[in-house]
């Protein structure tokens, strides 16, 4: 499992995530993880309406194409896929 820093600049107001550190097997998967994903992993599903990922009030990018993922390291085997740390701008 790799560690990625994911970020977005589409939704940048109050009560939004600007970035997160996620564990994922590859960049494409990392870009599909919502920063609020912890025990209950929230991922973008191709071909779905993705209401759980977008939410009623958009706190993250509207689509994985608007997410930048940068490889920052390798996780230990015990780290599950999902969000390790997230940056949320509370308003």
PDB file of N, CA and C in Angstrom:
ATOM      1  N   UNK A   1       0.855  -1.167   0.000  1.00  0.00           N
ATOM      2  CA  UNK A   1       0.000   0.000   0.000  1.00  0.00           C
ATOM      3  C   UNK A   1       0.908   1.239   0.000  1.00  0.00           C
ATOM      4  N   UNK A   2       0.557   2.196  -0.828  1.00  0.00           N
ATOM      5  CA  UNK A   2       1.295   3.457  -0.918  1.00  0.00           C
ATOM      6  C   UNK A   2       0.590   4.552  -0.124  1.00  0.00           C
ATOM      7  N   UNK A   3       1.320   5.600   0.183  1.00  0.00           N
ATOM      8  CA  UNK A   3       0.742   6.792   0.812  1.00  0.00           C
ATOM      9  C   UNK A   3       0.755   7.922  -0.204  1.00  0.00           C
ATOM     10  N   UNK A   4      -0.384   8.595  -0.349  1.00  0.00           N
ATOM     11  CA  UNK A   4      -0.534   9.708  -1.282  1.00  0.00           C
ATOM     12  C   UNK A   4      -1.071  10.927  -0.551  1.00  0.00           C
ATOM     13  N   UNK A   5      -0.621  12.089  -0.975  1.00  0.00           N
ATOM     14  CA  UNK A   5      -1.252  13.337  -0.555  1.00  0.00           C
ATOM     15  C   UNK A   5      -2.241  13.666  -1.657  1.00  0.00           C
ATOM     16  N   UNK A   6      -3.527  13.747  -1.312  1.00  0.00           N
ATOM     17  CA  UNK A   6      -4.533  14.138  -2.294  1.00  0.00           C
ATOM     18  C   UNK A   6      -4.985  15.557  -1.963  1.00  0.00           C
ATOM     19  N   UNK A   7      -5.291  16.330  -2.990  1.00  0.00           N
ATOM     20  CA  UNK A   7      -5.726  17.714  -2.773  1.00  0.00           C
ATOM     21  C   UNK A   7      -6.664  18.134  -3.889  1.00  0.00           C
ATOM     22  N   UNK A   8      -7.415  19.205  -3.615  1.00  0.00           N
ATOM     23  CA  UNK A   8      -8.340  19.773  -4.607  1.00  0.00           C
ATOM     24  C   UNK A   8      -8.501  21.255  -4.335  1.00  0.00           C
ATOM     25  N   UNK A   9      -8.849  22.013  -5.374  1.00  0.00           N
ATOM     26  CA  UNK A   9      -9.049  23.459  -5.229  1.00  0.00           C
ATOM     27  C   UNK A   9     -10.406  23.906  -5.767  1.00  0.00           C
ATOM     28  N   UNK A  10     -11.286  22.957  -6.097  1.00  0.00           N
ATOM     29  CA  UNK A  10     -12.599  23.295  -6.646  1.00  0.00           C
ATOM     30  C   UNK A  10     -13.515  23.850  -5.562  1.00  0.00           C
ATOM     31  N   UNK A  11     -13.664  23.122  -4.473  1.00  0.00           N
ATOM     32  CA  UNK A  11     -14.464  23.573  -3.330  1.00  0.00           C
ATOM     33  C   UNK A  11     -13.483  24.019  -2.251  1.00  0.00           C
ATOM     34  N   UNK A  12     -13.329  25.346  -2.099  1.00  0.00           N
ATOM     35  CA  UNK A  12     -12.292  25.849  -1.204  1.00  0.00           C
ATOM     36  C   UNK A  12     -12.810  26.832  -0.161  1.00  0.00           C
ATOM     37  N   UNK A  13     -14.094  26.760   0.111  1.00  0.00           N
ATOM     38  CA  UNK A  13     -14.664  27.652   1.122  1.00  0.00           C
ATOM     39  C   UNK A  13     -14.643  27.005   2.496  1.00  0.00           C
ATOM     40  N   UNK A  14     -15.502  27.519   3.380  1.00  0.00           N
ATOM     41  CA  UNK A  14     -15.637  26.950   4.709  1.00  0.00           C
ATOM     42  C   UNK A  14     -16.267  25.565   4.627  1.00  0.00           C
ATOM     43  N   UNK A  15     -15.977  24.741   5.613  1.00  0.00           N
ATOM     44  CA  UNK A  15     -16.516  23.385   5.727  1.00  0.00           C
ATOM     45  C   UNK A  15     -16.181  22.524   4.510  1.00  0.00           C
ATOM     46  N   UNK A  16     -14.945  22.605   4.080  1.00  0.00           N
ATOM     47  CA  UNK A  16     -14.459  21.793   2.967  1.00  0.00           C
ATOM     48  C   UNK A  16     -13.106  21.181   3.320  1.00  0.00           C
ATOM     49  N   UNK A  17     -12.789  20.092   2.660  1.00  0.00           N
ATOM     50  CA  UNK A  17     -11.464  19.484   2.776  1.00  0.00           C
ATOM     51  C   UNK A  17     -10.585  20.063   1.682  1.00  0.00           C
ATOM     52  N   UNK A  18      -9.349  20.430   2.029  1.00  0.00           N
ATOM     53  CA  UNK A  18      -8.429  20.882   0.985  1.00  0.00           C
ATOM     54  C   UNK A  18      -7.432  19.799   0.616  1.00  0.00           C
ATOM     55  N   UNK A  19      -7.163  18.885   1.555  1.00  0.00           N
ATOM     56  CA  UNK A  19      -6.202  17.824   1.261  1.00  0.00           C
ATOM     57  C   UNK A  19      -6.327  16.708   2.286  1.00  0.00           C
ATOM     58  N   UNK A  20      -5.635  15.612   1.995  1.00  0.00           N
ATOM     59  CA  UNK A  20      -5.610  14.475   2.913  1.00  0.00           C
ATOM     60  C   UNK A  20      -4.420  13.592   2.570  1.00  0.00           C
ATOM     61  N   UNK A  21      -4.048  12.758   3.509  1.00  0.00           N
ATOM     62  CA  UNK A  21      -3.078  11.697   3.273  1.00  0.00           C
ATOM     63  C   UNK A  21      -3.891  10.407   3.261  1.00  0.00           C
ATOM     64  N   UNK A  22      -3.756   9.630   2.184  1.00  0.00           N
ATOM     65  CA  UNK A  22      -4.514   8.388   2.064  1.00  0.00           C
ATOM     66  C   UNK A  22      -3.588   7.223   1.743  1.00  0.00           C
ATOM     67  N   UNK A  23      -4.012   6.042   2.158  1.00  0.00           N
ATOM     68  CA  UNK A  23      -3.321   4.807   1.803  1.00  0.00           C
ATOM     69  C   UNK A  23      -4.108   4.161   0.669  1.00  0.00           C
ATOM     70  N   UNK A  24      -3.416   3.859  -0.417  1.00  0.00           N
ATOM     71  CA  UNK A  24      -4.063   3.270  -1.593  1.00  0.00           C
ATOM     72  C   UNK A  24      -3.025   2.492  -2.398  1.00  0.00           C
ATOM     73  N   UNK A  25      -3.465   1.520  -3.183  1.00  0.00           N
ATOM     74  CA  UNK A  25      -2.513   0.740  -3.965  1.00  0.00           C
ATOM     75  C   UNK A  25      -1.923   1.489  -5.152  1.00  0.00           C
ATOM     76  N   UNK A  26      -2.653   2.506  -5.654  1.00  0.00           N
ATOM     77  CA  UNK A  26      -2.168   3.253  -6.811  1.00  0.00           C
ATOM     78  C   UNK A  26      -2.795   4.647  -6.844  1.00  0.00           C
ATOM     79  N   UNK A  27      -2.286   5.498  -7.741  1.00  0.00           N
ATOM     80  CA  UNK A  27      -2.742   6.892  -7.827  1.00  0.00           C
ATOM     81  C   UNK A  27      -4.213   6.994  -8.197  1.00  0.00           C
ATOM     82  N   UNK A  28      -4.660   6.190  -9.142  1.00  0.00           N
ATOM     83  CA  UNK A  28      -6.063   6.257  -9.571  1.00  0.00           C
ATOM     84  C   UNK A  28      -7.011   5.950  -8.411  1.00  0.00           C
ATOM     85  N   UNK A  29      -6.677   4.976  -7.603  1.00  0.00           N
ATOM     86  CA  UNK A  29      -7.506   4.639  -6.444  1.00  0.00           C
ATOM     87  C   UNK A  29      -7.441   5.746  -5.407  1.00  0.00           C
ATOM     88  N   UNK A  30      -6.267   6.307  -5.178  1.00  0.00           N
ATOM     89  CA  UNK A  30      -6.121   7.398  -4.205  1.00  0.00           C
ATOM     90  C   UNK A  30      -7.023   8.567  -4.556  1.00  0.00           C
ATOM     91  N   UNK A  31      -7.119   8.913  -5.836  1.00  0.00           N
ATOM     92  CA  UNK A  31      -7.939  10.049  -6.269  1.00  0.00           C
ATOM     93  C   UNK A  31      -9.429   9.797  -6.075  1.00  0.00           C
ATOM     94  N   UNK A  32      -9.832   8.541  -5.899  1.00  0.00           N
ATOM     95  CA  UNK A  32     -11.247   8.192  -5.713  1.00  0.00           C
ATOM     96  C   UNK A  32     -11.660   8.150  -4.247  1.00  0.00           C
ATOM     97  N   UNK A  33     -10.711   8.296  -3.327  1.00  0.00           N
ATOM     98  CA  UNK A  33     -11.026   8.233  -1.895  1.00  0.00           C
ATOM     99  C   UNK A  33     -11.447   9.612  -1.390  1.00  0.00           C
ATOM    100  N   UNK A  34     -12.581   9.669  -0.717  1.00  0.00           N
ATOM    101  CA  UNK A  34     -13.046  10.916  -0.103  1.00  0.00           C
ATOM    102  C   UNK A  34     -12.286  11.105   1.208  1.00  0.00           C
ATOM    103  N   UNK A  35     -11.837  12.331   1.531  1.00  0.00           N
ATOM    104  CA  UNK A  35     -11.070  12.555   2.764  1.00  0.00           C
ATOM    105  C   UNK A  35     -11.774  12.136   4.046  1.00  0.00           C
ATOM    106  N   UNK A  36     -13.097  12.100   4.050  1.00  0.00           N
ATOM    107  CA  UNK A  36     -13.799  11.698   5.268  1.00  0.00           C
ATOM    108  C   UNK A  36     -13.836  10.183   5.424  1.00  0.00           C
ATOM    109  N   UNK A  37     -13.254   9.451   4.488  1.00  0.00           N
ATOM    110  CA  UNK A  37     -13.267   7.989   4.540  1.00  0.00           C
ATOM    111  C   UNK A  37     -12.353   7.491   5.638  1.00  0.00           C
ATOM    112  N   UNK A  38     -12.935   6.796   6.594  1.00  0.00           N
ATOM    113  CA  UNK A  38     -12.116   6.172   7.632  1.00  0.00           C
ATOM    114  C   UNK A  38     -12.528   4.712   7.711  1.00  0.00           C
ATOM    115  N   UNK A  39     -13.162   4.296   8.789  1.00  0.00           N
ATOM    116  CA  UNK A  39     -13.594   2.912   8.912  1.00  0.00           C
ATOM    117  C   UNK A  39     -14.584   2.523   7.828  1.00  0.00           C
ATOM    118  N   UNK A  40     -15.471   3.432   7.468  1.00  0.00           N
ATOM    119  CA  UNK A  40     -16.452   3.185   6.418  1.00  0.00           C
ATOM    120  C   UNK A  40     -15.956   3.891   5.164  1.00  0.00           C
ATOM    121  N   UNK A  41     -15.146   3.207   4.375  1.00  0.00           N
ATOM    122  CA  UNK A  41     -14.473   3.802   3.225  1.00  0.00           C
ATOM    123  C   UNK A  41     -15.474   4.359   2.211  1.00  0.00           C
ATOM    124  N   UNK A  42     -15.327   5.650   1.879  1.00  0.00           N
ATOM    125  CA  UNK A  42     -16.162   6.310   0.870  1.00  0.00           C
ATOM    126  C   UNK A  42     -15.317   6.521  -0.369  1.00  0.00           C
ATOM    127  N   UNK A  43     -15.680   5.827  -1.436  1.00  0.00           N
ATOM    128  CA  UNK A  43     -14.925   5.938  -2.677  1.00  0.00           C
ATOM    129  C   UNK A  43     -15.857   6.264  -3.834  1.00  0.00           C
ATOM    130  N   UNK A  44     -15.309   6.958  -4.821  1.00  0.00           N
ATOM    131  CA  UNK A  44     -16.015   7.231  -6.063  1.00  0.00           C
ATOM    132  C   UNK A  44     -16.188   5.913  -6.798  1.00  0.00           C
ATOM    133  N   UNK A  45     -17.399   5.647  -7.280  1.00  0.00           N
ATOM    134  CA  UNK A  45     -17.673   4.426  -8.028  1.00  0.00           C
ATOM    135  C   UNK A  45     -18.034   4.826  -9.453  1.00  0.00           C
ATOM    136  N   UNK A  46     -17.213   4.423 -10.406  1.00  0.00           N
ATOM    137  CA  UNK A  46     -17.478   4.756 -11.809  1.00  0.00           C
ATOM    138  C   UNK A  46     -18.851   4.245 -12.232  1.00  0.00           C
ATOM    139  N   UNK A  47     -19.631   5.094 -12.888  1.00  0.00           N
ATOM    140  CA  UNK A  47     -20.954   4.722 -13.365  1.00  0.00           C
ATOM    141  C   UNK A  47     -22.063   4.895 -12.344  1.00  0.00           C
ATOM    142  N   UNK A  48     -21.742   5.320 -11.124  1.00  0.00           N
ATOM    143  CA  UNK A  48     -22.730   5.516 -10.067  1.00  0.00           C
ATOM    144  C   UNK A  48     -23.048   7.009  -9.946  1.00  0.00           C
ATOM    145  N   UNK A  49     -24.151   7.352  -9.248  1.00  0.00           N
ATOM    146  CA  UNK A  49     -24.447   8.770  -9.027  1.00  0.00           C
ATOM    147  C   UNK A  49     -23.557   9.352  -7.917  1.00  0.00           C
ATOM    148  N   UNK A  50     -22.905   8.496  -7.126  1.00  0.00           N
ATOM    149  CA  UNK A  50     -21.922   8.901  -6.118  1.00  0.00           C
ATOM    150  C   UNK A  50     -22.427   9.932  -5.110  1.00  0.00           C
ATOM    151  N   UNK A  51     -23.696   9.836  -4.713  1.00  0.00           N
ATOM    152  CA  UNK A  51     -24.243  10.788  -3.749  1.00  0.00           C
ATOM    153  C   UNK A  51     -23.514  10.729  -2.411  1.00  0.00           C
ATOM    154  N   UNK A  52     -23.062   9.552  -2.008  1.00  0.00           N
ATOM    155  CA  UNK A  52     -22.318   9.443  -0.747  1.00  0.00           C
ATOM    156  C   UNK A  52     -20.976  10.141  -0.839  1.00  0.00           C
ATOM    157  N   UNK A  53     -20.364  10.167  -2.018  1.00  0.00           N
ATOM    158  CA  UNK A  53     -19.049  10.778  -2.186  1.00  0.00           C
ATOM    159  C   UNK A  53     -19.172  12.293  -2.281  1.00  0.00           C
ATOM    160  N   UNK A  54     -20.165  12.756  -3.025  1.00  0.00           N
ATOM    161  CA  UNK A  54     -20.342  14.199  -3.228  1.00  0.00           C
ATOM    162  C   UNK A  54     -21.040  14.831  -2.022  1.00  0.00           C
ATOM    163  N   UNK A  55     -22.065  14.181  -1.507  1.00  0.00           N
ATOM    164  CA  UNK A  55     -22.800  14.701  -0.359  1.00  0.00           C
ATOM    165  C   UNK A  55     -23.776  15.802  -0.748  1.00  0.00           C
ATOM    166  N   UNK A  56     -24.635  16.159   0.189  1.00  0.00           N
ATOM    167  CA  UNK A  56     -25.623  17.213  -0.062  1.00  0.00           C
ATOM    168  C   UNK A  56     -24.950  18.579  -0.148  1.00  0.00           C
ATOM    169  N   UNK A  57     -23.942  18.778   0.690  1.00  0.00           N
ATOM    170  CA  UNK A  57     -23.164  20.008   0.641  1.00  0.00           C
ATOM    171  C   UNK A  57     -21.752  19.597   0.232  1.00  0.00           C
ATOM    172  N   UNK A  58     -21.292  20.052  -0.924  1.00  0.00           N
ATOM    173  CA  UNK A  58     -19.990  19.564  -1.414  1.00  0.00           C
ATOM    174  C   UNK A  58     -18.814  19.999  -0.528  1.00  0.00           C
ATOM    175  N   UNK A  59     -18.179  19.020   0.078  1.00  0.00           N
ATOM    176  CA  UNK A  59     -17.020  19.281   0.927  1.00  0.00           C
ATOM    177  C   UNK A  59     -15.716  18.904   0.245  1.00  0.00           C
ATOM    178  N   UNK A  60     -15.804  18.343  -0.950  1.00  0.00           N
ATOM    179  CA  UNK A  60     -14.637  17.833  -1.658  1.00  0.00           C
ATOM    180  C   UNK A  60     -14.874  18.040  -3.152  1.00  0.00           C
ATOM    181  N   UNK A  61     -13.914  17.718  -3.952  1.00  0.00           N
ATOM    182  CA  UNK A  61     -14.021  17.866  -5.405  1.00  0.00           C
ATOM    183  C   UNK A  61     -15.223  17.085  -5.934  1.00  0.00           C
ATOM    184  N   UNK A  62     -15.861  17.570  -6.994  1.00  0.00           N
ATOM    185  CA  UNK A  62     -17.043  16.891  -7.515  1.00  0.00           C
ATOM    186  C   UNK A  62     -16.732  15.619  -8.297  1.00  0.00           C
ATOM    187  N   UNK A  63     -15.465  15.392  -8.639  1.00  0.00           N
ATOM    188  CA  UNK A  63     -15.084  14.238  -9.451  1.00  0.00           C
ATOM    189  C   UNK A  63     -13.593  13.961  -9.243  1.00  0.00           C
ATOM    190  N   UNK A  64     -13.165  12.703  -9.305  1.00  0.00           N
ATOM    191  CA  UNK A  64     -11.744  12.386  -9.130  1.00  0.00           C
ATOM    192  C   UNK A  64     -10.807  13.096 -10.112  1.00  0.00           C
ATOM    193  N   UNK A  65     -11.310  13.505 -11.267  1.00  0.00           N
ATOM    194  CA  UNK A  65     -10.475  14.235 -12.222  1.00  0.00           C
ATOM    195  C   UNK A  65     -10.010  15.578 -11.666  1.00  0.00           C
ATOM    196  N   UNK A  66     -10.713  16.095 -10.655  1.00  0.00           N
ATOM    197  CA  UNK A  66     -10.348  17.370 -10.038  1.00  0.00           C
ATOM    198  C   UNK A  66      -9.455  17.184  -8.805  1.00  0.00           C
ATOM    199  N   UNK A  67      -9.019  15.952  -8.561  1.00  0.00           N
ATOM    200  CA  UNK A  67      -8.176  15.637  -7.406  1.00  0.00           C
ATOM    201  C   UNK A  67      -6.755  15.374  -7.884  1.00  0.00           C
ATOM    202  N   UNK A  68      -5.781  15.987  -7.214  1.00  0.00           N
ATOM    203  CA  UNK A  68      -4.371  15.744  -7.487  1.00  0.00           C
ATOM    204  C   UNK A  68      -3.854  14.756  -6.452  1.00  0.00           C
ATOM    205  N   UNK A  69      -3.137  13.731  -6.904  1.00  0.00           N
ATOM    206  CA  UNK A  69      -2.551  12.745  -5.997  1.00  0.00           C
ATOM    207  C   UNK A  69      -1.044  12.713  -6.205  1.00  0.00           C
ATOM    208  N   UNK A  70      -0.311  12.838  -5.112  1.00  0.00           N
ATOM    209  CA  UNK A  70       1.145  12.826  -5.149  1.00  0.00           C
ATOM    210  C   UNK A  70       1.657  11.719  -4.241  1.00  0.00           C
ATOM    211  N   UNK A  71       2.444  10.804  -4.786  1.00  0.00           N
ATOM    212  CA  UNK A  71       3.026   9.726  -3.997  1.00  0.00           C
ATOM    213  C   UNK A  71       4.013  10.310  -2.994  1.00  0.00           C
ATOM    214  N   UNK A  72       3.837   9.970  -1.709  1.00  0.00           N
ATOM    215  CA  UNK A  72       4.746  10.505  -0.690  1.00  0.00           C
ATOM    216  C   UNK A  72       5.472   9.407   0.083  1.00  0.00           C
ATOM    217  N   UNK A  73       5.075   8.145  -0.097  1.00  0.00           N
ATOM    218  CA  UNK A  73       5.770   7.084   0.623  1.00  0.00           C
ATOM    219  C   UNK A  73       5.055   5.753   0.533  1.00  0.00           C
ATOM    220  N   UNK A  74       5.568   4.811   1.304  1.00  0.00           N
ATOM    221  CA  UNK A  74       5.030   3.457   1.365  1.00  0.00           C
ATOM    222  C   UNK A  74       4.507   3.225   2.778  1.00  0.00           C
ATOM    223  N   UNK A  75       3.308   2.665   2.880  1.00  0.00           N
ATOM    224  CA  UNK A  75       2.719   2.369   4.182  1.00  0.00           C
ATOM    225  C   UNK A  75       3.168   0.989   4.658  1.00  0.00           C
ATOM    226  N   UNK A  76       3.137   0.777   5.965  1.00  0.00           N
ATOM    227  CA  UNK A  76       3.409  -0.557   6.490  1.00  0.00           C
ATOM    228  C   UNK A  76       2.229  -1.460   6.137  1.00  0.00           C
ATOM    229  N   UNK A  77       2.441  -2.749   6.219  1.00  0.00           N
ATOM    230  CA  UNK A  77       1.421  -3.726   5.842  1.00  0.00           C
ATOM    231  C   UNK A  77       0.154  -3.616   6.687  1.00  0.00           C
ATOM    232  N   UNK A  78       0.256  -3.078   7.897  1.00  0.00           N
ATOM    233  CA  UNK A  78      -0.904  -3.000   8.784  1.00  0.00           C
ATOM    234  C   UNK A  78      -1.834  -1.819   8.489  1.00  0.00           C
ATOM    235  N   UNK A  79      -1.437  -0.896   7.618  1.00  0.00           N
ATOM    236  CA  UNK A  79      -2.260   0.281   7.317  1.00  0.00           C
ATOM    237  C   UNK A  79      -3.323  -0.091   6.288  1.00  0.00           C
ATOM    238  N   UNK A  80      -4.615   0.047   6.634  1.00  0.00           N
ATOM    239  CA  UNK A  80      -5.675  -0.283   5.680  1.00  0.00           C
ATOM    240  C   UNK A  80      -5.870   0.840   4.655  1.00  0.00           C
ATOM    241  N   UNK A  81      -6.484   0.504   3.534  1.00  0.00           N
ATOM    242  CA  UNK A  81      -6.781   1.513   2.529  1.00  0.00           C
ATOM    243  C   UNK A  81      -7.774   2.524   3.109  1.00  0.00           C
ATOM    244  N   UNK A  82      -7.525   3.801   2.822  1.00  0.00           N
ATOM    245  CA  UNK A  82      -8.411   4.861   3.294  1.00  0.00           C
ATOM    246  C   UNK A  82      -7.631   6.060   3.783  1.00  0.00           C
ATOM    247  N   UNK A  83      -8.332   6.946   4.437  1.00  0.00           N
ATOM    248  CA  UNK A  83      -7.740   8.205   4.899  1.00  0.00           C
ATOM    249  C   UNK A  83      -6.917   7.993   6.169  1.00  0.00           C
ATOM    250  N   UNK A  84      -5.709   8.532   6.160  1.00  0.00           N
ATOM    251  CA  UNK A  84      -4.828   8.484   7.322  1.00  0.00           C
ATOM    252  C   UNK A  84      -4.953   9.802   8.098  1.00  0.00           C
ATOM    253  N   UNK A  85      -5.003  10.920   7.365  1.00  0.00           N
ATOM    254  CA  UNK A  85      -5.075  12.252   7.958  1.00  0.00           C
ATOM    255  C   UNK A  85      -5.739  13.174   6.954  1.00  0.00           C
ATOM    256  N   UNK A  86      -6.632  14.064   7.412  1.00  0.00           N
ATOM    257  CA  UNK A  86      -7.320  14.975   6.501  1.00  0.00           C
ATOM    258  C   UNK A  86      -7.256  16.407   7.033  1.00  0.00           C
ATOM    259  N   UNK A  87      -7.256  17.366   6.107  1.00  0.00           N
ATOM    260  CA  UNK A  87      -7.265  18.777   6.447  1.00  0.00           C
ATOM    261  C   UNK A  87      -8.645  19.341   6.090  1.00  0.00           C
ATOM    262  N   UNK A  88      -9.417  19.708   7.135  1.00  0.00           N
ATOM    263  CA  UNK A  88     -10.772  20.218   6.969  1.00  0.00           C
ATOM    264  C   UNK A  88     -10.803  21.673   7.428  1.00  0.00           C
ATOM    265  N   UNK A  89     -11.371  22.543   6.604  1.00  0.00           N
ATOM    266  CA  UNK A  89     -11.460  23.971   6.903  1.00  0.00           C
ATOM    267  C   UNK A  89     -12.847  24.297   7.460  1.00  0.00           C
ATOM    268  N   UNK A  90     -12.978  24.175   8.762  1.00  0.00           N
ATOM    269  CA  UNK A  90     -14.277  24.411   9.408  1.00  0.00           C
ATOM    270  C   UNK A  90     -14.622  25.892   9.401  1.00  0.00           C
ATOM    271  N   UNK A  91     -15.895  26.191   9.256  1.00  0.00           N
ATOM    272  CA  UNK A  91     -16.317  27.583   9.207  1.00  0.00           C
ATOM    273  C   UNK A  91     -17.168  27.941  10.272  1.00  0.00           C
TER     274      UNK A  91
END
